[in-house]
PDB file of N, CA and C in Angstrom:
ATOM      1  N   PRO A   1     286.893  91.767 127.774  1.00  0.00           N
ATOM      2  CA  PRO A   1     285.923  90.380 128.463  1.00  0.00           C
ATOM      3  C   PRO A   1     286.264  89.514 129.856  1.00  0.00           C
ATOM      4  N   GLY A   2     285.584  88.711 130.015  1.00  0.00           N
ATOM      5  CA  GLY A   2     285.821  88.241 131.403  1.00  0.00           C
ATOM      6  C   GLY A   2     287.125  87.121 130.848  1.00  0.00           C
ATOM      7  N   PRO A   3     286.995  86.611 132.401  1.00  0.00           N
ATOM      8  CA  PRO A   3     288.367  85.747 132.625  1.00  0.00           C
ATOM      9  C   PRO A   3     287.912  84.180 131.562  1.00  0.00           C
ATOM     10  N   ARG A   4     289.068  83.878 130.653  1.00  0.00           N
ATOM     11  CA  ARG A   4     288.873  82.884 129.911  1.00  0.00           C
ATOM     12  C   ARG A   4     289.098  81.222 130.523  1.00  0.00           C
ATOM     13  N   GLN A   5     288.167  80.798 130.164  1.00  0.00           N
ATOM     14  CA  GLN A   5     287.950  79.306 130.830  1.00  0.00           C
ATOM     15  C   GLN A   5     289.102  78.641 130.121  1.00  0.00           C
ATOM     16  N   PRO A   6     289.641  77.617 130.610  1.00  0.00           N
ATOM     17  CA  PRO A   6     290.613  76.734 129.973  1.00  0.00           C
ATOM     18  C   PRO A   6     289.471  75.567 129.136  1.00  0.00           C
ATOM     19  N   PRO A   7     290.308  75.140 128.370  1.00  0.00           N
ATOM     20  CA  PRO A   7     289.364  74.361 127.461  1.00  0.00           C
ATOM     21  C   PRO A   7     289.332  72.959 128.124  1.00  0.00           C
ATOM     22  N   PRO A   8     288.337  72.213 127.830  1.00  0.00           N
ATOM     23  CA  PRO A   8     288.139  71.099 128.764  1.00  0.00           C
ATOM     24  C   PRO A   8     289.449  70.130 128.364  1.00  0.00           C
ATOM     25  N   PRO A   9     289.739  69.308 129.421  1.00  0.00           N
ATOM     26  CA  PRO A   9     290.877  68.250 129.230  1.00  0.00           C
ATOM     27  C   PRO A   9     290.228  67.268 128.310  1.00  0.00           C
ATOM     28  N   PRO A  10     290.919  66.882 127.330  1.00  0.00           N
ATOM     29  CA  PRO A  10     290.548  65.952 126.236  1.00  0.00           C
ATOM     30  C   PRO A  10     290.340  64.434 126.723  1.00  0.00           C
ATOM     31  N   PRO A  11     289.324  63.896 126.407  1.00  0.00           N
ATOM     32  CA  PRO A  11     288.797  62.711 126.836  1.00  0.00           C
ATOM     33  C   PRO A  11     289.712  61.397 126.888  1.00  0.00           C
ATOM     34  N   ARG A  12     290.110  61.091 128.219  1.00  0.00           N
ATOM     35  CA  ARG A  12     291.080  60.176 128.687  1.00  0.00           C
ATOM     36  C   ARG A  12     290.729  58.806 127.719  1.00  0.00           C
ATOM     37  N   LYS A  13     291.662  57.842 127.680  1.00  0.00           N
ATOM     38  CA  LYS A  13     291.509  56.861 126.940  1.00  0.00           C
ATOM     39  C   LYS A  13     291.000  55.824 127.836  1.00  0.00           C
ATOM     40  N   GLN A  14     290.236  54.801 127.752  1.00  0.00           N
ATOM     41  CA  GLN A  14     289.699  53.979 128.568  1.00  0.00           C
ATOM     42  C   GLN A  14     290.741  52.753 128.980  1.00  0.00           C
ATOM     43  N   THR A  15     290.961  52.479 130.095  1.00  0.00           N
ATOM     44  CA  THR A  15     292.151  51.580 130.353  1.00  0.00           C
ATOM     45  C   THR A  15     291.083  50.395 130.479  1.00  0.00           C
ATOM     46  N   LYS A  16     292.138  49.464 130.769  1.00  0.00           N
ATOM     47  CA  LYS A  16     291.685  47.964 130.624  1.00  0.00           C
ATOM     48  C   LYS A  16     290.671  47.884 131.879  1.00  0.00           C
ATOM     49  N   LEU A  17     290.939  48.610 133.124  1.00  0.00           N
ATOM     50  CA  LEU A  17     290.345  48.720 134.583  1.00  0.00           C
ATOM     51  C   LEU A  17     288.591  49.173 134.238  1.00  0.00           C
ATOM     52  N   ASP A  18     288.834  50.379 133.488  1.00  0.00           N
ATOM     53  CA  ASP A  18     287.609  51.034 133.174  1.00  0.00           C
ATOM     54  C   ASP A  18     286.669  49.891 132.129  1.00  0.00           C
ATOM     55  N   VAL A  19     287.140  49.210 131.493  1.00  0.00           N
ATOM     56  CA  VAL A  19     286.550  48.408 130.574  1.00  0.00           C
ATOM     57  C   VAL A  19     285.925  47.258 131.330  1.00  0.00           C
ATOM     58  N   GLN A  20     286.879  46.747 132.648  1.00  0.00           N
ATOM     59  CA  GLN A  20     286.115  45.806 133.178  1.00  0.00           C
ATOM     60  C   GLN A  20     285.413  46.151 134.237  1.00  0.00           C
ATOM     61  N   LEU A  21     285.304  47.557 134.918  1.00  0.00           N
ATOM     62  CA  LEU A  21     284.370  47.980 136.029  1.00  0.00           C
ATOM     63  C   LEU A  21     282.985  48.104 134.940  1.00  0.00           C
ATOM     64  N   ALA A  22     283.021  48.719 133.684  1.00  0.00           N
ATOM     65  CA  ALA A  22     282.030  49.194 132.818  1.00  0.00           C
ATOM     66  C   ALA A  22     281.124  47.347 132.780  1.00  0.00           C
ATOM     67  N   ARG A  23     282.096  46.431 132.487  1.00  0.00           N
ATOM     68  CA  ARG A  23     281.291  45.046 132.203  1.00  0.00           C
ATOM     69  C   ARG A  23     280.602  44.780 133.552  1.00  0.00           C
ATOM     70  N   LEU A  24     281.549  44.864 134.678  1.00  0.00           N
ATOM     71  CA  LEU A  24     280.928  44.561 136.055  1.00  0.00           C
ATOM     72  C   LEU A  24     279.786  45.002 136.242  1.00  0.00           C
ATOM     73  N   ARG A  25     279.742  46.196 136.293  1.00  0.00           N
ATOM     74  CA  ARG A  25     278.249  47.189 136.629  1.00  0.00           C
ATOM     75  C   ARG A  25     277.313  46.391 135.628  1.00  0.00           C
ATOM     76  N   LYS A  26     277.474  46.358 134.240  1.00  0.00           N
ATOM     77  CA  LYS A  26     276.372  45.692 133.253  1.00  0.00           C
ATOM     78  C   LYS A  26     276.212  44.320 134.117  1.00  0.00           C
ATOM     79  N   GLU A  27     277.137  43.463 134.541  1.00  0.00           N
ATOM     80  CA  GLU A  27     276.833  42.154 134.925  1.00  0.00           C
ATOM     81  C   GLU A  27     275.921  42.256 136.272  1.00  0.00           C
ATOM     82  N   MET A  28     276.196  43.153 136.990  1.00  0.00           N
ATOM     83  CA  MET A  28     275.733  43.502 138.609  1.00  0.00           C
ATOM     84  C   MET A  28     274.009  44.450 137.939  1.00  0.00           C
ATOM     85  N   TYR A  29     273.944  44.711 137.351  1.00  0.00           N
ATOM     86  CA  TYR A  29     272.710  45.263 136.661  1.00  0.00           C
ATOM     87  C   TYR A  29     271.591  44.144 136.518  1.00  0.00           C
ATOM     88  N   SER A  30     272.370  43.303 135.653  1.00  0.00           N
ATOM     89  CA  SER A  30     271.710  41.930 135.195  1.00  0.00           C
ATOM     90  C   SER A  30     271.212  40.783 136.244  1.00  0.00           C
ATOM     91  N   LEU A  31     272.308  40.739 137.291  1.00  0.00           N
ATOM     92  CA  LEU A  31     272.149  40.025 138.370  1.00  0.00           C
ATOM     93  C   LEU A  31     270.661  40.708 139.235  1.00  0.00           C
ATOM     94  N   ARG A  32     270.689  42.007 139.596  1.00  0.00           N
ATOM     95  CA  ARG A  32     269.671  42.674 140.269  1.00  0.00           C
ATOM     96  C   ARG A  32     268.700  42.433 139.623  1.00  0.00           C
ATOM     97  N   GLU A  33     268.600  42.287 138.199  1.00  0.00           N
ATOM     98  CA  GLU A  33     267.098  42.355 137.657  1.00  0.00           C
ATOM     99  C   GLU A  33     266.369  40.595 137.885  1.00  0.00           C
ATOM    100  N   LEU A  34     267.894  40.204 137.595  1.00  0.00           N
ATOM    101  CA  LEU A  34     267.472  38.473 137.761  1.00  0.00           C
ATOM    102  C   LEU A  34     266.674  38.192 139.469  1.00  0.00           C
ATOM    103  N   ASP A  35     267.485  38.653 140.192  1.00  0.00           N
ATOM    104  CA  ASP A  35     267.420  38.508 141.649  1.00  0.00           C
ATOM    105  C   ASP A  35     265.735  39.274 141.833  1.00  0.00           C
ATOM    106  N   LEU A  36     265.545  40.373 141.259  1.00  0.00           N
ATOM    107  CA  LEU A  36     263.927  40.855 141.367  1.00  0.00           C
ATOM    108  C   LEU A  36     263.100  39.857 140.931  1.00  0.00           C
ATOM    109  N   SER A  37     263.349  39.363 139.768  1.00  0.00           N
ATOM    110  CA  SER A  37     262.654  38.335 139.333  1.00  0.00           C
ATOM    111  C   SER A  37     262.273  37.000 139.881  1.00  0.00           C
ATOM    112  N   LEU A  38     263.546  36.467 140.317  1.00  0.00           N
ATOM    113  CA  LEU A  38     263.332  34.959 141.198  1.00  0.00           C
ATOM    114  C   LEU A  38     262.382  35.346 142.745  1.00  0.00           C
ATOM    115  N   LEU A  39     262.743  37.023 142.861  1.00  0.00           N
ATOM    116  CA  LEU A  39     262.042  37.259 144.337  1.00  0.00           C
ATOM    117  C   LEU A  39     260.600  37.182 144.073  1.00  0.00           C
ATOM    118  N   SER A  40     260.302  37.595 142.832  1.00  0.00           N
ATOM    119  CA  SER A  40     259.223  37.955 142.379  1.00  0.00           C
ATOM    120  C   SER A  40     258.148  36.432 142.316  1.00  0.00           C
ATOM    121  N   GLN A  41     259.157  35.551 141.564  1.00  0.00           N
ATOM    122  CA  GLN A  41     258.405  34.180 141.834  1.00  0.00           C
ATOM    123  C   GLN A  41     258.465  33.374 142.598  1.00  0.00           C
ATOM    124  N   LEU A  42     258.979  34.127 143.846  1.00  0.00           N
ATOM    125  CA  LEU A  42     259.121  32.844 145.082  1.00  0.00           C
ATOM    126  C   LEU A  42     257.597  33.483 145.738  1.00  0.00           C
ATOM    127  N   TRP A  43     257.573  34.876 145.546  1.00  0.00           N
ATOM    128  CA  TRP A  43     256.594  35.634 146.656  1.00  0.00           C
ATOM    129  C   TRP A  43     255.433  34.949 145.848  1.00  0.00           C
ATOM    130  N   SER A  44     255.427  34.833 144.476  1.00  0.00           N
ATOM    131  CA  SER A  44     254.028  34.230 143.918  1.00  0.00           C
ATOM    132  C   SER A  44     253.761  32.642 144.620  1.00  0.00           C
ATOM    133  N   LEU A  45     254.843  31.673 144.200  1.00  0.00           N
ATOM    134  CA  LEU A  45     254.924  30.343 144.649  1.00  0.00           C
ATOM    135  C   LEU A  45     254.441  30.552 146.336  1.00  0.00           C
ATOM    136  N   ASN A  46     254.779  31.134 147.096  1.00  0.00           N
ATOM    137  CA  ASN A  46     254.332  31.476 148.564  1.00  0.00           C
ATOM    138  C   ASN A  46     252.827  31.425 148.807  1.00  0.00           C
ATOM    139  N   GLU A  47     252.296  32.502 147.916  1.00  0.00           N
ATOM    140  CA  GLU A  47     251.040  32.895 148.189  1.00  0.00           C
ATOM    141  C   GLU A  47     250.292  31.778 147.622  1.00  0.00           C
ATOM    142  N   SER A  48     250.681  30.676 146.419  1.00  0.00           N
ATOM    143  CA  SER A  48     250.106  29.759 145.880  1.00  0.00           C
ATOM    144  C   SER A  48     249.961  28.795 147.102  1.00  0.00           C
ATOM    145  N   ILE A  49     251.265  28.618 147.522  1.00  0.00           N
ATOM    146  CA  ILE A  49     251.338  27.444 148.464  1.00  0.00           C
ATOM    147  C   ILE A  49     250.350  27.541 149.842  1.00  0.00           C
ATOM    148  N   GLN A  50     250.385  29.030 150.009  1.00  0.00           N
ATOM    149  CA  GLN A  50     249.604  29.278 151.580  1.00  0.00           C
ATOM    150  C   GLN A  50     247.940  29.561 151.109  1.00  0.00           C
ATOM    151  N   GLU A  51     247.622  29.518 149.698  1.00  0.00           N
ATOM    152  CA  GLU A  51     245.860  29.216 149.465  1.00  0.00           C
ATOM    153  C   GLU A  51     245.859  27.939 149.290  1.00  0.00           C
ATOM    154  N   TYR A  52     246.741  27.152 148.890  1.00  0.00           N
ATOM    155  CA  TYR A  52     246.472  25.762 148.596  1.00  0.00           C
ATOM    156  C   TYR A  52     246.586  24.962 150.433  1.00  0.00           C
ATOM    157  N   GLN A  53     247.362  25.501 150.909  1.00  0.00           N
ATOM    158  CA  GLN A  53     247.013  24.953 152.557  1.00  0.00           C
ATOM    159  C   GLN A  53     245.716  25.249 153.110  1.00  0.00           C
ATOM    160  N   THR A  54     245.343  26.801 152.917  1.00  0.00           N
ATOM    161  CA  THR A  54     243.703  26.829 153.254  1.00  0.00           C
ATOM    162  C   THR A  54     242.814  26.444 152.789  1.00  0.00           C
ATOM    163  N   MET A  55     242.932  25.938 151.509  1.00  0.00           N
ATOM    164  CA  MET A  55     241.958  25.214 150.612  1.00  0.00           C
ATOM    165  C   MET A  55     241.867  23.453 151.023  1.00  0.00           C
ATOM    166  N   GLN A  56     243.092  22.982 151.579  1.00  0.00           N
ATOM    167  CA  GLN A  56     243.299  21.660 152.085  1.00  0.00           C
ATOM    168  C   GLN A  56     242.570  21.681 153.648  1.00  0.00           C
ATOM    169  N   GLU A  57     242.990  22.915 154.090  1.00  0.00           N
ATOM    170  CA  GLU A  57     242.447  22.621 155.512  1.00  0.00           C
ATOM    171  C   GLU A  57     240.966  22.754 155.789  1.00  0.00           C
ATOM    172  N   MET A  58     240.306  23.309 154.803  1.00  0.00           N
ATOM    173  CA  MET A  58     238.913  23.535 154.581  1.00  0.00           C
ATOM    174  C   MET A  58     238.077  22.431 154.012  1.00  0.00           C
ATOM    175  N   LEU A  59     238.860  21.821 153.239  1.00  0.00           N
ATOM    176  CA  LEU A  59     238.217  20.542 152.517  1.00  0.00           C
ATOM    177  C   LEU A  59     238.543  19.312 153.393  1.00  0.00           C
ATOM    178  N   SER A  60     239.633  19.382 154.429  1.00  0.00           N
ATOM    179  CA  SER A  60     240.053  17.777 154.843  1.00  0.00           C
ATOM    180  C   SER A  60     239.042  17.988 155.968  1.00  0.00           C
ATOM    181  N   PRO A  61     238.564  16.422 156.433  1.00  0.00           N
ATOM    182  CA  PRO A  61     237.905  16.212 157.509  1.00  0.00           C
ATOM    183  C   PRO A  61     239.154  16.390 158.554  1.00  0.00           C
ATOM    184  N   ASN A  62     238.119  16.451 159.929  1.00  0.00           N
ATOM    185  CA  ASN A  62     239.206  16.853 161.084  1.00  0.00           C
ATOM    186  C   ASN A  62     240.037  15.489 161.105  1.00  0.00           C
ATOM    187  N   SER A  63     241.122  15.930 161.676  1.00  0.00           N
ATOM    188  CA  SER A  63     242.248  14.870 162.208  1.00  0.00           C
ATOM    189  C   SER A  63     241.873  14.034 163.022  1.00  0.00           C
ATOM    190  N   PRO A  64     242.244  12.888 163.263  1.00  0.00           N
ATOM    191  CA  PRO A  64     241.885  12.014 164.236  1.00  0.00           C
ATOM    192  C   PRO A  64     241.870  12.557 165.498  1.00  0.00           C
ATOM    193  N   SER A  65     243.138  13.302 165.866  1.00  0.00           N
ATOM    194  CA  SER A  65     243.472  13.797 167.329  1.00  0.00           C
ATOM    195  C   SER A  65     242.705  15.045 167.371  1.00  0.00           C
ATOM    196  N   SER A  66     241.652  15.165 167.698  1.00  0.00           N
ATOM    197  CA  SER A  66     240.772  16.392 167.963  1.00  0.00           C
ATOM    198  C   SER A  66     241.219  17.175 169.335  1.00  0.00           C
ATOM    199  N   ASP A  67     240.652  18.429 169.231  1.00  0.00           N
ATOM    200  CA  ASP A  67     240.460  19.004 170.522  1.00  0.00           C
ATOM    201  C   ASP A  67     240.253  18.552 171.576  1.00  0.00           C
ATOM    202  N   ALA A  68     239.045  17.697 171.547  1.00  0.00           N
ATOM    203  CA  ALA A  68     238.299  16.973 172.272  1.00  0.00           C
ATOM    204  C   ALA A  68     238.995  15.814 173.095  1.00  0.00           C
ATOM    205  N   GLU A  69     239.572  15.135 171.791  1.00  0.00           N
ATOM    206  CA  GLU A  69     240.344  13.875 172.331  1.00  0.00           C
ATOM    207  C   GLU A  69     241.818  14.418 172.999  1.00  0.00           C
ATOM    208  N   ASP A  70     242.340  15.569 172.373  1.00  0.00           N
ATOM    209  CA  ASP A  70     243.265  16.168 173.292  1.00  0.00           C
ATOM    210  C   ASP A  70     243.549  16.423 174.792  1.00  0.00           C
ATOM    211  N   ASP A  71     242.311  17.230 174.923  1.00  0.00           N
ATOM    212  CA  ASP A  71     241.765  17.324 176.331  1.00  0.00           C
ATOM    213  C   ASP A  71     241.436  16.223 177.036  1.00  0.00           C
ATOM    214  N   ALA A  72     241.145  15.388 176.843  1.00  0.00           N
ATOM    215  CA  ALA A  72     240.969  14.016 177.407  1.00  0.00           C
ATOM    216  C   ALA A  72     242.121  13.484 177.833  1.00  0.00           C
ATOM    217  N   ILE A  73     243.176  13.524 176.888  1.00  0.00           N
ATOM    218  CA  ILE A  73     244.452  13.250 177.343  1.00  0.00           C
ATOM    219  C   ILE A  73     245.163  13.753 178.164  1.00  0.00           C
ATOM    220  N   TYR A  74     245.459  15.145 178.269  1.00  0.00           N
ATOM    221  CA  TYR A  74     245.833  15.873 179.258  1.00  0.00           C
ATOM    222  C   TYR A  74     245.204  16.466 180.219  1.00  0.00           C
ATOM    223  N   SER A  75     244.101  16.215 180.372  1.00  0.00           N
ATOM    224  CA  SER A  75     243.525  16.318 181.765  1.00  0.00           C
ATOM    225  C   SER A  75     243.840  15.517 182.927  1.00  0.00           C
ATOM    226  N   ASN A  76     244.233  14.516 182.785  1.00  0.00           N
ATOM    227  CA  ASN A  76     244.496  13.662 183.636  1.00  0.00           C
ATOM    228  C   ASN A  76     245.928  14.046 184.489  1.00  0.00           C
ATOM    229  N   LEU A  77     246.880  15.121 183.906  1.00  0.00           N
ATOM    230  CA  LEU A  77     248.064  15.822 184.467  1.00  0.00           C
ATOM    231  C   LEU A  77     247.325  16.622 185.304  1.00  0.00           C
ATOM    232  N   PRO A  78     248.180  16.838 186.652  1.00  0.00           N
ATOM    233  CA  PRO A  78     248.246  17.765 187.483  1.00  0.00           C
ATOM    234  C   PRO A  78     248.251  19.320 186.915  1.00  0.00           C
ATOM    235  N   PRO A  79     248.149  20.316 187.243  1.00  0.00           N
ATOM    236  CA  PRO A  79     248.416  21.743 186.963  1.00  0.00           C
ATOM    237  C   PRO A  79     250.133  21.755 187.382  1.00  0.00           C
ATOM    238  N   LEU A  80     250.494  22.271 186.411  1.00  0.00           N
ATOM    239  CA  LEU A  80     252.302  22.824 186.896  1.00  0.00           C
ATOM    240  C   LEU A  80     252.320  22.917 188.458  1.00  0.00           C
ATOM    241  N   HIS A  81     251.889  24.083 188.522  1.00  0.00           N
ATOM    242  CA  HIS A  81     251.993  24.228 190.222  1.00  0.00           C
ATOM    243  C   HIS A  81     251.790  23.104 191.129  1.00  0.00           C
ATOM    244  N   GLU A  82     251.058  21.995 190.909  1.00  0.00           N
ATOM    245  CA  GLU A  82     250.866  20.962 191.838  1.00  0.00           C
ATOM    246  C   GLU A  82     251.694  20.087 191.864  1.00  0.00           C
ATOM    247  N   GLN A  83     252.800  20.136 190.638  1.00  0.00           N
ATOM    248  CA  GLN A  83     253.678  19.080 190.372  1.00  0.00           C
ATOM    249  C   GLN A  83     254.839  19.176 191.446  1.00  0.00           C
ATOM    250  N   SER A  84     255.277  18.342 191.860  1.00  0.00           N
ATOM    251  CA  SER A  84     256.346  18.164 192.798  1.00  0.00           C
ATOM    252  C   SER A  84     257.651  18.780 191.930  1.00  0.00           C
ATOM    253  N   SER A  85     258.349  19.673 192.789  1.00  0.00           N
ATOM    254  CA  SER A  85     259.623  20.228 192.050  1.00  0.00           C
ATOM    255  C   SER A  85     260.668  19.175 192.510  1.00  0.00           C
ATOM    256  N   TYR A  86     261.431  19.218 191.168  1.00  0.00           N
ATOM    257  CA  TYR A  86     262.463  18.278 191.519  1.00  0.00           C
ATOM    258  C   TYR A  86     264.000  19.446 191.728  1.00  0.00           C
ATOM    259  N   ARG A  87     264.481  18.896 192.823  1.00  0.00           N
ATOM    260  CA  ARG A  87     266.039  19.554 193.243  1.00  0.00           C
ATOM    261  C   ARG A  87     267.244  18.815 192.916  1.00  0.00           C
ATOM    262  N   LEU A  88     268.160  19.176 192.477  1.00  0.00           N
ATOM    263  CA  LEU A  88     269.149  18.699 192.298  1.00  0.00           C
ATOM    264  C   LEU A  88     270.229  19.022 193.452  1.00  0.00           C
ATOM    265  N   SER A  89     270.869  17.294 193.822  1.00  0.00           N
ATOM    266  CA  SER A  89     271.464  17.527 195.086  1.00  0.00           C
ATOM    267  C   SER A  89     272.777  18.675 194.754  1.00  0.00           C
ATOM    268  N   SER A  90     273.229  18.794 196.212  1.00  0.00           N
ATOM    269  CA  SER A  90     274.183  20.033 196.098  1.00  0.00           C
ATOM    270  C   SER A  90     275.314  19.495 195.032  1.00  0.00           C
ATOM    271  N   SER A  91     275.856  18.207 194.891  1.00  0.00           N
ATOM    272  CA  SER A  91     276.651  17.819 194.405  1.00  0.00           C
ATOM    273  C   SER A  91     276.581  17.960 192.682  1.00  0.00           C
ATOM    274  N   SER A  92     275.064  17.864 192.335  1.00  0.00           N
ATOM    275  CA  SER A  92     274.989  17.907 191.179  1.00  0.00           C
ATOM    276  C   SER A  92     275.301  19.294 190.628  1.00  0.00           C
ATOM    277  N   SER A  93     274.534  20.263 191.446  1.00  0.00           N
ATOM    278  CA  SER A  93     274.470  21.603 191.563  1.00  0.00           C
ATOM    279  C   SER A  93     275.936  21.977 191.081  1.00  0.00           C
ATOM    280  N   ARG A  94     277.036  21.724 192.085  1.00  0.00           N
ATOM    281  CA  ARG A  94     278.787  22.067 191.881  1.00  0.00           C
ATOM    282  C   ARG A  94     279.201  21.646 190.652  1.00  0.00           C
ATOM    283  N   SER A  95     278.827  20.253 190.462  1.00  0.00           N
ATOM    284  CA  SER A  95     279.377  20.057 189.115  1.00  0.00           C
ATOM    285  C   SER A  95     278.676  20.451 187.619  1.00  0.00           C
ATOM    286  N   SER A  96     277.859  20.938 187.575  1.00  0.00           N
ATOM    287  CA  SER A  96     277.105  21.757 186.652  1.00  0.00           C
ATOM    288  C   SER A  96     277.549  22.972 186.548  1.00  0.00           C
ATOM    289  N   ASN A  97     278.189  23.334 187.442  1.00  0.00           N
ATOM    290  CA  ASN A  97     278.992  25.104 187.534  1.00  0.00           C
ATOM    291  C   ASN A  97     280.339  24.721 187.196  1.00  0.00           C
ATOM    292  N   ASN A  98     280.941  23.490 187.085  1.00  0.00           N
ATOM    293  CA  ASN A  98     282.553  23.299 186.536  1.00  0.00           C
ATOM    294  C   ASN A  98     283.004  24.215 185.352  1.00  0.00           C
ATOM    295  N   GLY A  99     283.813  24.926 185.221  1.00  0.00           N
ATOM    296  CA  GLY A  99     284.318  25.817 184.345  1.00  0.00           C
ATOM    297  C   GLY A  99     283.837  27.007 184.391  1.00  0.00           C
ATOM    298  N   PHE A 100     282.982  27.348 184.972  1.00  0.00           N
ATOM    299  CA  PHE A 100     282.376  28.951 185.166  1.00  0.00           C
ATOM    300  C   PHE A 100     282.348  29.130 186.201  1.00  0.00           C
ATOM    301  N   THR A 101     282.885  30.794 186.084  1.00  0.00           N
ATOM    302  CA  THR A 101     282.880  31.677 187.427  1.00  0.00           C
ATOM    303  C   THR A 101     281.732  32.500 187.548  1.00  0.00           C
ATOM    304  N   GLU A 102     281.325  32.722 188.765  1.00  0.00           N
ATOM    305  CA  GLU A 102     280.255  33.329 189.002  1.00  0.00           C
ATOM    306  C   GLU A 102     280.923  35.115 188.977  1.00  0.00           C
ATOM    307  N   LEU A 103     279.972  35.785 188.407  1.00  0.00           N
ATOM    308  CA  LEU A 103     280.217  37.164 188.397  1.00  0.00           C
ATOM    309  C   LEU A 103     280.176  38.212 189.324  1.00  0.00           C
TER     310      LEU A 103
END
């Protein structure tokens, strides 16, 4: 006959560490389930909040500051390229560079 296989090793006795690791695995599994449940609840809550905000926007009258009023307020300002540029004095430029070296 063929070569004989050695008998399987006897089952080893669980140590305190094995028991603690098994308990930790169960607790981690439980925490993962709880995490997924909470994530699902948060997702649902977020969707409800977004639906509520959409309904509020649709049902509420226009805010007192409408786009037309905003345009009237900001139309008096010159475009950015027409505004005068402000330059720092050379002493201000030097003092703002204190502590930094150029590369």
